[in-house]
N, C-alpha and C. Protein backbone atom coordinates (compact mmCIF):
# COMPACT_ATOMS: atom_id res chain seq x y z
N UNK A 1 -79.01 23.69 19.11
CA UNK A 1 -79.32 24.91 18.38
C UNK A 1 -79.34 24.58 16.88
N UNK A 2 -80.32 25.11 16.19
CA UNK A 2 -80.47 24.85 14.76
C UNK A 2 -80.08 26.09 13.96
N UNK A 3 -79.25 25.89 12.95
CA UNK A 3 -78.86 26.97 12.05
C UNK A 3 -79.38 26.67 10.65
N UNK A 4 -79.74 27.73 9.92
CA UNK A 4 -80.20 27.60 8.54
C UNK A 4 -79.54 28.68 7.69
N UNK A 5 -79.12 28.31 6.50
CA UNK A 5 -78.53 29.24 5.55
C UNK A 5 -79.52 29.45 4.40
N UNK A 6 -79.67 30.67 3.99
CA UNK A 6 -80.53 30.98 2.85
C UNK A 6 -79.79 31.85 1.85
N UNK A 7 -80.07 31.61 0.58
CA UNK A 7 -79.47 32.42 -0.49
C UNK A 7 -80.59 33.09 -1.26
N UNK A 8 -80.44 34.37 -1.51
CA UNK A 8 -81.43 35.10 -2.30
C UNK A 8 -80.79 35.79 -3.48
N UNK A 9 -81.56 35.95 -4.54
CA UNK A 9 -81.08 36.62 -5.75
C UNK A 9 -82.24 37.43 -6.31
N UNK A 10 -81.91 38.59 -6.87
CA UNK A 10 -82.93 39.37 -7.57
C UNK A 10 -82.24 40.21 -8.63
N UNK A 11 -82.99 40.55 -9.67
CA UNK A 11 -82.46 41.35 -10.77
C UNK A 11 -83.60 42.20 -11.34
N UNK A 12 -83.29 43.43 -11.71
CA UNK A 12 -84.26 44.33 -12.34
C UNK A 12 -83.54 45.17 -13.38
N UNK A 13 -84.27 45.56 -14.41
CA UNK A 13 -83.70 46.45 -15.43
C UNK A 13 -83.97 47.91 -15.04
N UNK A 14 -83.15 48.79 -15.58
CA UNK A 14 -83.32 50.22 -15.34
C UNK A 14 -84.47 50.76 -16.18
N UNK A 15 -85.10 51.79 -15.66
CA UNK A 15 -86.14 52.49 -16.39
C UNK A 15 -86.12 53.96 -15.97
N UNK A 16 -86.22 54.85 -16.93
CA UNK A 16 -86.29 56.29 -16.64
C UNK A 16 -87.60 56.60 -15.92
N UNK A 17 -87.57 57.66 -15.14
CA UNK A 17 -88.78 58.12 -14.47
C UNK A 17 -89.09 57.40 -13.17
N UNK A 18 -88.17 56.60 -12.67
CA UNK A 18 -88.35 55.90 -11.39
C UNK A 18 -87.21 56.25 -10.45
N UNK A 19 -87.49 56.20 -9.16
CA UNK A 19 -86.45 56.40 -8.16
C UNK A 19 -85.63 55.12 -8.03
N UNK A 20 -84.35 55.28 -7.73
CA UNK A 20 -83.49 54.14 -7.46
C UNK A 20 -83.44 53.96 -5.95
N UNK A 21 -84.04 52.87 -5.49
CA UNK A 21 -84.09 52.54 -4.07
C UNK A 21 -83.27 51.27 -3.87
N UNK A 22 -82.27 51.33 -3.00
CA UNK A 22 -81.43 50.17 -2.70
C UNK A 22 -81.25 50.08 -1.19
N UNK A 23 -81.59 48.94 -0.64
CA UNK A 23 -81.47 48.77 0.81
C UNK A 23 -82.33 49.76 1.58
N UNK A 24 -83.43 50.19 0.96
CA UNK A 24 -84.32 51.15 1.60
C UNK A 24 -83.87 52.59 1.50
N UNK A 25 -82.79 52.83 0.77
CA UNK A 25 -82.21 54.18 0.66
C UNK A 25 -82.36 54.67 -0.78
N UNK A 26 -82.80 55.91 -0.93
CA UNK A 26 -82.89 56.50 -2.27
C UNK A 26 -81.51 56.94 -2.72
N UNK A 27 -81.08 56.43 -3.88
CA UNK A 27 -79.75 56.72 -4.42
C UNK A 27 -79.93 57.66 -5.61
N UNK A 28 -79.23 58.79 -5.63
CA UNK A 28 -79.34 59.69 -6.77
C UNK A 28 -78.84 59.02 -8.05
N UNK A 29 -79.69 58.97 -9.06
CA UNK A 29 -79.32 58.39 -10.35
C UNK A 29 -80.34 58.82 -11.38
N UNK A 30 -79.96 58.81 -12.63
CA UNK A 30 -80.87 59.25 -13.70
C UNK A 30 -82.00 58.25 -13.96
N UNK A 31 -81.84 57.01 -13.50
CA UNK A 31 -82.85 55.97 -13.71
C UNK A 31 -83.07 55.20 -12.41
N UNK A 32 -84.23 54.58 -12.32
CA UNK A 32 -84.51 53.68 -11.22
C UNK A 32 -84.69 52.28 -11.77
N UNK A 33 -85.04 51.37 -10.91
CA UNK A 33 -85.25 49.99 -11.33
C UNK A 33 -86.73 49.74 -11.56
N UNK A 34 -87.03 49.00 -12.60
CA UNK A 34 -88.41 48.73 -12.98
C UNK A 34 -88.88 47.43 -12.35
N UNK A 35 -90.08 47.47 -11.79
CA UNK A 35 -90.68 46.28 -11.22
C UNK A 35 -92.10 46.56 -10.76
N UNK A 36 -92.77 45.53 -10.32
CA UNK A 36 -94.14 45.66 -9.82
C UNK A 36 -94.15 46.45 -8.51
N UNK A 37 -93.07 46.29 -7.73
CA UNK A 37 -92.92 47.00 -6.46
C UNK A 37 -91.96 48.17 -6.68
N UNK A 38 -91.29 48.61 -5.62
CA UNK A 38 -90.27 49.65 -5.78
C UNK A 38 -88.97 49.10 -6.38
N UNK A 39 -88.91 47.78 -6.58
CA UNK A 39 -87.80 47.09 -7.26
C UNK A 39 -86.46 47.22 -6.54
N UNK A 40 -86.49 47.27 -5.23
CA UNK A 40 -85.27 47.34 -4.42
C UNK A 40 -84.59 45.96 -4.45
N UNK A 41 -83.62 45.78 -5.35
CA UNK A 41 -83.00 44.46 -5.52
C UNK A 41 -82.30 43.98 -4.26
N UNK A 42 -81.78 44.89 -3.46
CA UNK A 42 -81.10 44.50 -2.22
C UNK A 42 -82.09 43.84 -1.27
N UNK A 43 -83.20 44.52 -1.01
CA UNK A 43 -84.18 43.96 -0.08
C UNK A 43 -84.88 42.74 -0.65
N UNK A 44 -85.08 42.70 -1.97
CA UNK A 44 -85.70 41.51 -2.58
C UNK A 44 -84.81 40.29 -2.39
N UNK A 45 -83.51 40.45 -2.62
CA UNK A 45 -82.58 39.34 -2.42
C UNK A 45 -82.57 38.92 -0.95
N UNK A 46 -82.59 39.89 -0.05
CA UNK A 46 -82.60 39.61 1.38
C UNK A 46 -83.86 38.85 1.79
N UNK A 47 -85.01 39.30 1.31
CA UNK A 47 -86.28 38.61 1.61
C UNK A 47 -86.23 37.18 1.08
N UNK A 48 -85.74 37.00 -0.14
CA UNK A 48 -85.65 35.65 -0.70
C UNK A 48 -84.71 34.77 0.12
N UNK A 49 -83.62 35.34 0.62
CA UNK A 49 -82.69 34.58 1.45
C UNK A 49 -83.31 34.15 2.77
N UNK A 50 -84.02 35.07 3.41
CA UNK A 50 -84.67 34.76 4.69
C UNK A 50 -85.75 33.70 4.49
N UNK A 51 -86.61 33.91 3.50
CA UNK A 51 -87.68 32.93 3.24
C UNK A 51 -87.10 31.57 2.86
N UNK A 52 -86.06 31.58 2.03
CA UNK A 52 -85.45 30.33 1.61
C UNK A 52 -84.84 29.55 2.76
N UNK A 53 -84.21 30.24 3.69
CA UNK A 53 -83.60 29.56 4.84
C UNK A 53 -84.64 28.83 5.67
N UNK A 54 -85.86 29.33 5.67
CA UNK A 54 -86.93 28.71 6.46
C UNK A 54 -87.77 27.74 5.65
N UNK A 55 -87.49 27.62 4.34
CA UNK A 55 -88.31 26.77 3.49
C UNK A 55 -89.69 27.35 3.26
N UNK A 56 -89.78 28.68 3.19
CA UNK A 56 -91.06 29.39 3.07
C UNK A 56 -91.28 29.98 1.68
N UNK A 57 -90.71 29.37 0.66
CA UNK A 57 -90.95 29.86 -0.69
C UNK A 57 -90.09 31.07 -1.02
N UNK A 58 -90.64 31.94 -1.87
CA UNK A 58 -89.89 33.11 -2.30
C UNK A 58 -90.79 34.34 -2.30
N UNK A 59 -90.22 35.45 -2.70
CA UNK A 59 -90.93 36.72 -2.67
C UNK A 59 -92.16 36.70 -3.58
N UNK A 60 -92.06 36.01 -4.70
CA UNK A 60 -93.19 35.90 -5.62
C UNK A 60 -94.34 35.08 -5.07
N UNK A 61 -94.05 34.15 -4.20
CA UNK A 61 -95.09 33.36 -3.53
C UNK A 61 -95.91 34.23 -2.59
N UNK A 62 -95.22 35.08 -1.86
CA UNK A 62 -95.87 35.92 -0.85
C UNK A 62 -96.42 37.23 -1.41
N UNK A 63 -95.81 37.72 -2.50
CA UNK A 63 -96.21 39.00 -3.10
C UNK A 63 -96.27 38.85 -4.62
N UNK A 64 -97.21 38.07 -5.16
CA UNK A 64 -97.24 37.85 -6.60
C UNK A 64 -97.47 39.14 -7.39
N UNK A 65 -96.71 39.28 -8.48
CA UNK A 65 -96.85 40.50 -9.28
C UNK A 65 -98.16 40.52 -10.08
N UNK A 66 -98.90 39.43 -10.01
CA UNK A 66 -100.21 39.38 -10.65
C UNK A 66 -101.30 39.96 -9.73
N UNK A 67 -100.95 40.26 -8.49
CA UNK A 67 -101.92 40.79 -7.52
C UNK A 67 -101.79 42.31 -7.45
N UNK A 68 -102.84 43.03 -7.85
CA UNK A 68 -102.77 44.50 -7.86
C UNK A 68 -102.56 45.12 -6.48
N UNK A 69 -102.83 44.36 -5.40
CA UNK A 69 -102.60 44.90 -4.05
C UNK A 69 -101.13 45.23 -3.82
N UNK A 70 -100.24 44.59 -4.57
CA UNK A 70 -98.82 44.76 -4.34
C UNK A 70 -98.17 45.72 -5.33
N UNK A 71 -98.96 46.36 -6.18
CA UNK A 71 -98.42 47.33 -7.13
C UNK A 71 -97.78 48.48 -6.35
N UNK A 72 -96.51 48.76 -6.65
CA UNK A 72 -95.72 49.83 -6.03
C UNK A 72 -95.49 49.66 -4.53
N UNK A 73 -95.65 48.44 -4.01
CA UNK A 73 -95.42 48.18 -2.60
C UNK A 73 -93.96 48.44 -2.25
N UNK A 74 -93.73 48.95 -1.07
CA UNK A 74 -92.37 49.16 -0.58
C UNK A 74 -91.75 47.80 -0.25
N UNK A 75 -90.51 47.63 -0.64
CA UNK A 75 -89.80 46.39 -0.33
C UNK A 75 -89.59 46.25 1.17
N UNK A 76 -89.58 47.36 1.90
CA UNK A 76 -89.49 47.27 3.35
C UNK A 76 -90.72 46.59 3.94
N UNK A 77 -91.88 46.78 3.33
CA UNK A 77 -93.10 46.09 3.76
C UNK A 77 -92.95 44.59 3.53
N UNK A 78 -92.37 44.22 2.40
CA UNK A 78 -92.12 42.80 2.12
C UNK A 78 -91.15 42.20 3.13
N UNK A 79 -90.10 42.95 3.45
CA UNK A 79 -89.14 42.48 4.44
C UNK A 79 -89.80 42.31 5.79
N UNK A 80 -90.66 43.25 6.17
CA UNK A 80 -91.36 43.14 7.45
C UNK A 80 -92.18 41.86 7.53
N UNK A 81 -92.83 41.47 6.43
CA UNK A 81 -93.61 40.24 6.44
C UNK A 81 -92.70 39.02 6.61
N UNK A 82 -91.57 39.01 5.91
CA UNK A 82 -90.62 37.90 6.05
C UNK A 82 -90.11 37.82 7.49
N UNK A 83 -89.88 38.97 8.11
CA UNK A 83 -89.41 38.99 9.49
C UNK A 83 -90.48 38.50 10.46
N UNK A 84 -91.74 38.81 10.18
CA UNK A 84 -92.83 38.29 11.05
C UNK A 84 -92.88 36.77 10.97
N UNK A 85 -92.72 36.22 9.77
CA UNK A 85 -92.69 34.75 9.62
C UNK A 85 -91.49 34.19 10.37
N UNK A 86 -90.35 34.84 10.22
CA UNK A 86 -89.13 34.40 10.88
C UNK A 86 -89.31 34.36 12.39
N UNK A 87 -89.87 35.39 12.94
CA UNK A 87 -90.06 35.44 14.40
C UNK A 87 -91.11 34.45 14.86
N UNK A 88 -92.17 34.28 14.07
CA UNK A 88 -93.21 33.31 14.43
C UNK A 88 -92.63 31.89 14.47
N UNK A 89 -91.68 31.62 13.59
CA UNK A 89 -91.05 30.30 13.56
C UNK A 89 -89.86 30.22 14.52
N UNK A 90 -89.68 31.27 15.33
CA UNK A 90 -88.65 31.34 16.37
C UNK A 90 -87.22 31.35 15.84
N UNK A 91 -87.03 31.97 14.67
CA UNK A 91 -85.69 32.16 14.13
C UNK A 91 -85.25 33.59 14.41
N UNK A 92 -83.95 33.78 14.49
CA UNK A 92 -83.39 35.12 14.50
C UNK A 92 -82.26 35.16 13.49
N UNK A 93 -82.10 36.31 12.88
CA UNK A 93 -81.07 36.48 11.86
C UNK A 93 -79.73 36.69 12.55
N UNK A 94 -78.75 35.88 12.21
CA UNK A 94 -77.41 36.02 12.76
C UNK A 94 -76.65 37.08 11.98
N UNK A 95 -76.63 36.94 10.65
CA UNK A 95 -75.98 37.94 9.82
C UNK A 95 -76.49 37.82 8.38
N UNK A 96 -76.21 38.87 7.61
CA UNK A 96 -76.58 38.89 6.19
C UNK A 96 -75.43 39.51 5.41
N UNK A 97 -75.07 38.86 4.33
CA UNK A 97 -74.02 39.33 3.43
C UNK A 97 -74.68 39.64 2.09
N UNK A 98 -74.69 40.91 1.70
CA UNK A 98 -75.41 41.37 0.52
C UNK A 98 -74.44 41.90 -0.53
N UNK A 99 -74.59 41.43 -1.76
CA UNK A 99 -73.72 41.86 -2.86
C UNK A 99 -74.56 42.37 -4.02
N UNK A 100 -74.16 43.52 -4.54
CA UNK A 100 -74.81 44.10 -5.72
C UNK A 100 -73.90 43.95 -6.92
N UNK A 101 -74.51 43.78 -8.10
CA UNK A 101 -73.77 43.78 -9.36
C UNK A 101 -74.37 44.92 -10.19
N UNK A 102 -73.56 45.95 -10.43
CA UNK A 102 -74.05 47.13 -11.16
C UNK A 102 -72.89 47.85 -11.81
N UNK A 103 -73.04 48.20 -13.05
CA UNK A 103 -72.02 48.97 -13.74
C UNK A 103 -72.08 50.44 -13.29
N UNK A 104 -73.29 50.87 -12.98
CA UNK A 104 -73.53 52.24 -12.52
C UNK A 104 -74.77 52.26 -11.64
N UNK A 105 -74.91 53.21 -10.78
CA UNK A 105 -73.96 54.24 -10.36
C UNK A 105 -72.94 53.66 -9.39
N UNK A 106 -71.96 54.47 -9.02
CA UNK A 106 -70.98 54.05 -8.01
C UNK A 106 -71.71 53.99 -6.67
N UNK A 107 -71.66 52.85 -6.02
CA UNK A 107 -72.48 52.63 -4.82
C UNK A 107 -71.74 52.74 -3.50
N UNK A 108 -70.41 52.71 -3.51
CA UNK A 108 -69.67 52.74 -2.24
C UNK A 108 -70.01 53.94 -1.35
N UNK A 109 -70.32 55.12 -1.90
CA UNK A 109 -70.68 56.22 -1.01
C UNK A 109 -71.98 55.97 -0.21
N UNK A 110 -72.75 54.97 -0.60
CA UNK A 110 -74.05 54.73 0.03
C UNK A 110 -74.08 53.46 0.89
N UNK A 111 -72.95 52.75 0.97
CA UNK A 111 -72.90 51.52 1.76
C UNK A 111 -73.33 51.75 3.21
N UNK A 112 -72.78 52.78 3.84
CA UNK A 112 -73.07 53.01 5.26
C UNK A 112 -74.56 53.29 5.48
N UNK A 113 -75.16 54.10 4.63
CA UNK A 113 -76.59 54.41 4.78
C UNK A 113 -77.45 53.17 4.57
N UNK A 114 -77.10 52.37 3.56
CA UNK A 114 -77.87 51.13 3.31
C UNK A 114 -77.71 50.17 4.48
N UNK A 115 -76.49 50.01 4.94
CA UNK A 115 -76.21 49.11 6.05
C UNK A 115 -76.99 49.52 7.30
N UNK A 116 -76.99 50.81 7.58
CA UNK A 116 -77.71 51.32 8.75
C UNK A 116 -79.21 51.07 8.61
N UNK A 117 -79.75 51.34 7.43
CA UNK A 117 -81.19 51.16 7.20
C UNK A 117 -81.59 49.69 7.31
N UNK A 118 -80.82 48.80 6.69
CA UNK A 118 -81.13 47.37 6.73
C UNK A 118 -81.01 46.85 8.17
N UNK A 119 -79.95 47.20 8.87
CA UNK A 119 -79.76 46.74 10.25
C UNK A 119 -80.91 47.21 11.13
N UNK A 120 -81.33 48.45 10.95
CA UNK A 120 -82.44 48.98 11.73
C UNK A 120 -83.72 48.20 11.46
N UNK A 121 -83.97 47.91 10.21
CA UNK A 121 -85.17 47.16 9.83
C UNK A 121 -85.14 45.75 10.43
N UNK A 122 -83.95 45.16 10.47
CA UNK A 122 -83.79 43.80 10.99
C UNK A 122 -83.68 43.76 12.51
N UNK A 123 -83.50 44.94 13.11
CA UNK A 123 -83.32 45.07 14.56
C UNK A 123 -82.08 44.31 15.04
N UNK A 124 -80.99 44.50 14.28
CA UNK A 124 -79.71 43.92 14.67
C UNK A 124 -78.64 45.00 14.52
N UNK A 125 -77.45 44.72 15.04
CA UNK A 125 -76.37 45.70 14.95
C UNK A 125 -75.80 45.73 13.53
N UNK A 126 -75.29 46.87 13.16
CA UNK A 126 -74.78 47.07 11.81
C UNK A 126 -73.62 46.13 11.47
N UNK A 127 -72.86 45.69 12.49
CA UNK A 127 -71.72 44.82 12.20
C UNK A 127 -72.15 43.42 11.78
N UNK A 128 -73.43 43.15 11.76
CA UNK A 128 -73.95 41.87 11.28
C UNK A 128 -74.43 41.95 9.83
N UNK A 129 -74.27 43.11 9.22
CA UNK A 129 -74.70 43.33 7.83
C UNK A 129 -73.48 43.73 7.01
N UNK A 130 -73.33 43.09 5.88
CA UNK A 130 -72.28 43.48 4.93
C UNK A 130 -72.96 43.85 3.62
N UNK A 131 -72.59 44.99 3.08
CA UNK A 131 -73.11 45.43 1.78
C UNK A 131 -71.92 45.85 0.94
N UNK A 132 -71.87 45.30 -0.26
CA UNK A 132 -70.79 45.63 -1.18
C UNK A 132 -71.29 45.52 -2.61
N UNK A 133 -70.50 46.02 -3.54
CA UNK A 133 -70.91 45.97 -4.94
C UNK A 133 -69.70 45.68 -5.82
N UNK A 134 -70.00 45.18 -6.98
CA UNK A 134 -68.99 44.95 -8.01
C UNK A 134 -69.61 45.29 -9.36
N UNK A 135 -68.77 45.50 -10.34
CA UNK A 135 -69.29 45.71 -11.69
C UNK A 135 -69.34 44.36 -12.40
N UNK A 136 -69.88 44.36 -13.58
CA UNK A 136 -69.89 43.16 -14.41
C UNK A 136 -68.81 43.26 -15.49
N UNK A 137 -67.84 44.17 -15.27
CA UNK A 137 -66.71 44.33 -16.19
C UNK A 137 -67.16 44.56 -17.64
N UNK A 138 -68.28 45.28 -17.77
CA UNK A 138 -68.85 45.64 -19.08
C UNK A 138 -69.32 44.44 -19.90
N UNK A 139 -69.51 43.30 -19.22
CA UNK A 139 -69.98 42.09 -19.88
C UNK A 139 -71.49 41.94 -19.73
N UNK A 140 -72.17 41.52 -20.79
CA UNK A 140 -73.60 41.26 -20.73
C UNK A 140 -74.42 42.51 -20.47
N UNK A 141 -75.72 42.30 -20.25
CA UNK A 141 -76.62 43.45 -20.08
C UNK A 141 -76.37 44.17 -18.77
N UNK A 142 -75.91 43.48 -17.71
CA UNK A 142 -75.55 44.18 -16.47
C UNK A 142 -74.34 45.07 -16.72
N UNK A 143 -73.36 44.56 -17.43
CA UNK A 143 -72.16 45.33 -17.75
C UNK A 143 -72.40 46.48 -18.70
N UNK A 144 -73.47 46.40 -19.45
CA UNK A 144 -73.84 47.49 -20.34
C UNK A 144 -74.67 48.56 -19.63
N UNK A 145 -74.87 48.38 -18.31
CA UNK A 145 -75.60 49.37 -17.52
C UNK A 145 -77.10 49.35 -17.74
N UNK A 146 -77.64 48.21 -18.15
CA UNK A 146 -79.09 48.11 -18.42
C UNK A 146 -79.90 47.70 -17.20
N UNK A 147 -79.23 47.34 -16.11
CA UNK A 147 -79.94 46.92 -14.91
C UNK A 147 -78.99 46.63 -13.79
N UNK A 148 -79.51 45.94 -12.79
CA UNK A 148 -78.77 45.70 -11.57
C UNK A 148 -79.25 44.38 -10.97
N UNK A 149 -78.34 43.70 -10.29
CA UNK A 149 -78.68 42.44 -9.62
C UNK A 149 -78.14 42.49 -8.19
N UNK A 150 -78.71 41.66 -7.33
CA UNK A 150 -78.23 41.56 -5.95
C UNK A 150 -78.35 40.11 -5.49
N UNK A 151 -77.41 39.75 -4.62
CA UNK A 151 -77.42 38.43 -3.99
C UNK A 151 -77.33 38.61 -2.49
N UNK A 152 -77.96 37.70 -1.77
CA UNK A 152 -77.92 37.74 -0.31
C UNK A 152 -77.63 36.35 0.22
N UNK A 153 -76.80 36.30 1.22
CA UNK A 153 -76.56 35.08 1.96
C UNK A 153 -76.88 35.39 3.41
N UNK A 154 -77.80 34.61 3.99
CA UNK A 154 -78.22 34.88 5.36
C UNK A 154 -78.02 33.63 6.22
N UNK A 155 -77.74 33.88 7.49
CA UNK A 155 -77.66 32.80 8.46
C UNK A 155 -78.72 33.06 9.53
N UNK A 156 -79.58 32.07 9.72
CA UNK A 156 -80.62 32.13 10.75
C UNK A 156 -80.30 31.12 11.84
N UNK A 157 -80.70 31.46 13.05
CA UNK A 157 -80.57 30.54 14.19
C UNK A 157 -81.93 30.43 14.84
N UNK A 158 -82.34 29.19 15.11
CA UNK A 158 -83.61 28.99 15.80
C UNK A 158 -83.37 29.16 17.30
N UNK A 159 -84.23 29.98 17.91
CA UNK A 159 -84.11 30.23 19.36
C UNK A 159 -84.64 29.07 20.15
């Protein structure tokens, strides 16, 4: 049996007038994240982790921000493409550990909804997904509440 580990990272700045989407869930907040897509840092990090574990490049390779076809694309659509590649290569996701870095908003009330949404999208049980957040202790631009970052660690197993 072959196992592969992938690490993903993503970061976006806040911008007024956008929805805040994290893990496919809309989070009430005065600002959303700015990006070419819906800027869901959780799913972007997850996609990068899955693609990286398979040696399939990164999210920018598959969805370049220079391509107008991907303007405002849902990150769930990007995740679906990564999952199609994963299944075609006969991998299955064992688990995913997702961490957010954000000074605001408080995210713990939304962990369960994000976990449920991500697990459903991945077609695995919720106990294989971990979602958590930390602040940047008011250090740097993340700590000043100017944006948000996410990291993902995934384990894949080839069937």
